[in-house]
Protein backbone atom coordinates (compact mmCIF):
# COMPACT_ATOMS: atom_id res chain seq x y z
CA MET A 1 -0.01 -0.14 0.13
CA LYS A 2 2.96 2.26 0.97
CA GLU A 3 3.96 1.83 -2.77
CA LYS A 4 0.25 3.30 -3.93
CA VAL A 5 0.31 6.00 -1.59
CA LEU A 6 3.73 7.56 -2.75
CA GLU A 7 2.32 7.08 -6.44
CA VAL A 8 -0.40 9.33 -5.51
CA LEU A 9 1.50 12.12 -3.71
CA GLU A 10 3.85 12.20 -6.66
CA LYS A 11 0.43 12.95 -8.86
CA ILE A 12 -0.57 15.27 -6.64
CA ARG A 13 2.33 17.05 -5.87
CA PRO A 14 2.50 19.30 -8.83
CA LEU A 15 -1.02 20.59 -7.77
CA LEU A 16 0.60 21.90 -4.41
CA GLN A 17 3.61 23.28 -5.90
CA ASN A 18 1.88 25.63 -8.06
CA GLU A 19 -0.01 27.16 -4.61
CA GLY A 20 3.61 27.23 -3.59
CA SER A 21 3.19 24.17 -0.99
CA ASP A 22 4.59 20.75 -0.83
CA VAL A 23 4.07 17.39 0.58
CA GLU A 24 6.60 15.35 2.55
CA PHE A 25 5.71 11.23 3.12
CA ILE A 26 6.50 10.80 7.05
CA ALA A 27 4.88 7.33 7.88
CA LEU A 28 1.94 5.04 7.10
CA THR A 29 1.19 3.49 10.46
CA ASP A 30 -0.06 -0.04 11.25
CA ASP A 31 -3.47 1.25 11.33
CA ASN A 32 -3.25 2.62 7.89
CA ILE A 33 -3.15 6.19 8.80
CA LEU A 34 -0.97 8.05 6.33
CA GLN A 35 1.32 10.78 8.04
CA ILE A 36 2.37 13.84 6.36
CA CYS A 37 3.71 17.47 6.63
CA ILE A 38 3.00 20.10 4.68
CA GLN A 39 5.68 21.95 3.88
CA GLY A 40 5.89 25.67 1.81
CA ARG A 41 3.16 28.50 2.06
CA GLY A 42 0.68 25.74 3.37
CA LYS A 43 2.67 25.14 6.22
CA THR A 44 2.57 28.97 7.62
CA CYS A 45 -1.23 29.57 7.17
CA PRO A 46 -3.97 27.29 9.29
CA SER A 47 -6.36 27.83 6.37
CA ALA A 48 -4.05 26.89 3.83
CA ARG A 49 -2.93 24.00 6.00
CA LYS A 50 -6.69 22.92 6.37
CA SER A 51 -7.52 23.11 2.37
CA LEU A 52 -4.51 21.46 1.43
CA LYS A 53 -5.58 18.66 3.54
CA ASN A 54 -9.00 18.47 2.63
CA LEU A 55 -7.27 18.37 -1.17
CA ILE A 56 -5.11 15.57 -0.11
CA SER A 57 -7.44 13.60 1.50
CA LYS A 58 -9.93 14.03 -1.21
CA TYR A 59 -7.18 12.40 -3.73
CA MET A 60 -5.96 9.68 -1.42
CA LEU A 61 -9.12 8.16 -0.05
CA ARG A 62 -10.61 8.21 -3.34
CA SER A 63 -7.16 6.45 -4.90
CA VAL A 64 -6.35 4.67 -2.11
CA PRO A 65 -9.67 3.62 -0.07
CA GLU A 66 -8.28 1.05 2.43
CA LEU A 67 -6.48 4.34 4.22
CA GLY A 68 -7.77 4.69 7.56
CA GLY A 69 -7.21 8.45 7.56
CA ILE A 70 -4.75 11.06 7.36
CA GLU A 71 -2.68 12.96 9.74
CA THR A 72 -1.03 16.26 9.20
CA LEU A 73 2.78 16.47 11.60
CA GLU A 74 4.67 19.50 12.21
CA SER A 75 7.75 17.62 10.57
CA SER A 76 9.33 14.36 10.19
CA ALA A 77 10.82 15.29 13.93
CA THR A 78 7.92 14.79 15.32
CA VAL A 79 7.59 11.00 14.39
CA ASN A 80 11.30 10.57 15.89
CA ASN A 81 10.16 12.45 19.08
CA ILE A 82 6.56 10.44 19.27
CA LYS A 83 8.88 6.66 18.72
CA LYS A 84 11.50 8.06 21.73
């Protein structure tokens, strides 16, 4: 499933980049929750972050229906701190 998720992220990345944002794949949890970090303009503006998460969720859940959901994290460092 990870490969499918990464393929979808690559397909929607140009849409995000046109808006001055990007997305980083962080992890796919054991319960199929996709963890991502929104970067660029979407990271600093709460309403933009919410809009981008909704856009990503729409594409992801349509393309990978077995996903349990999407969680946005501040950065990949957040995951490292959670694991410690």
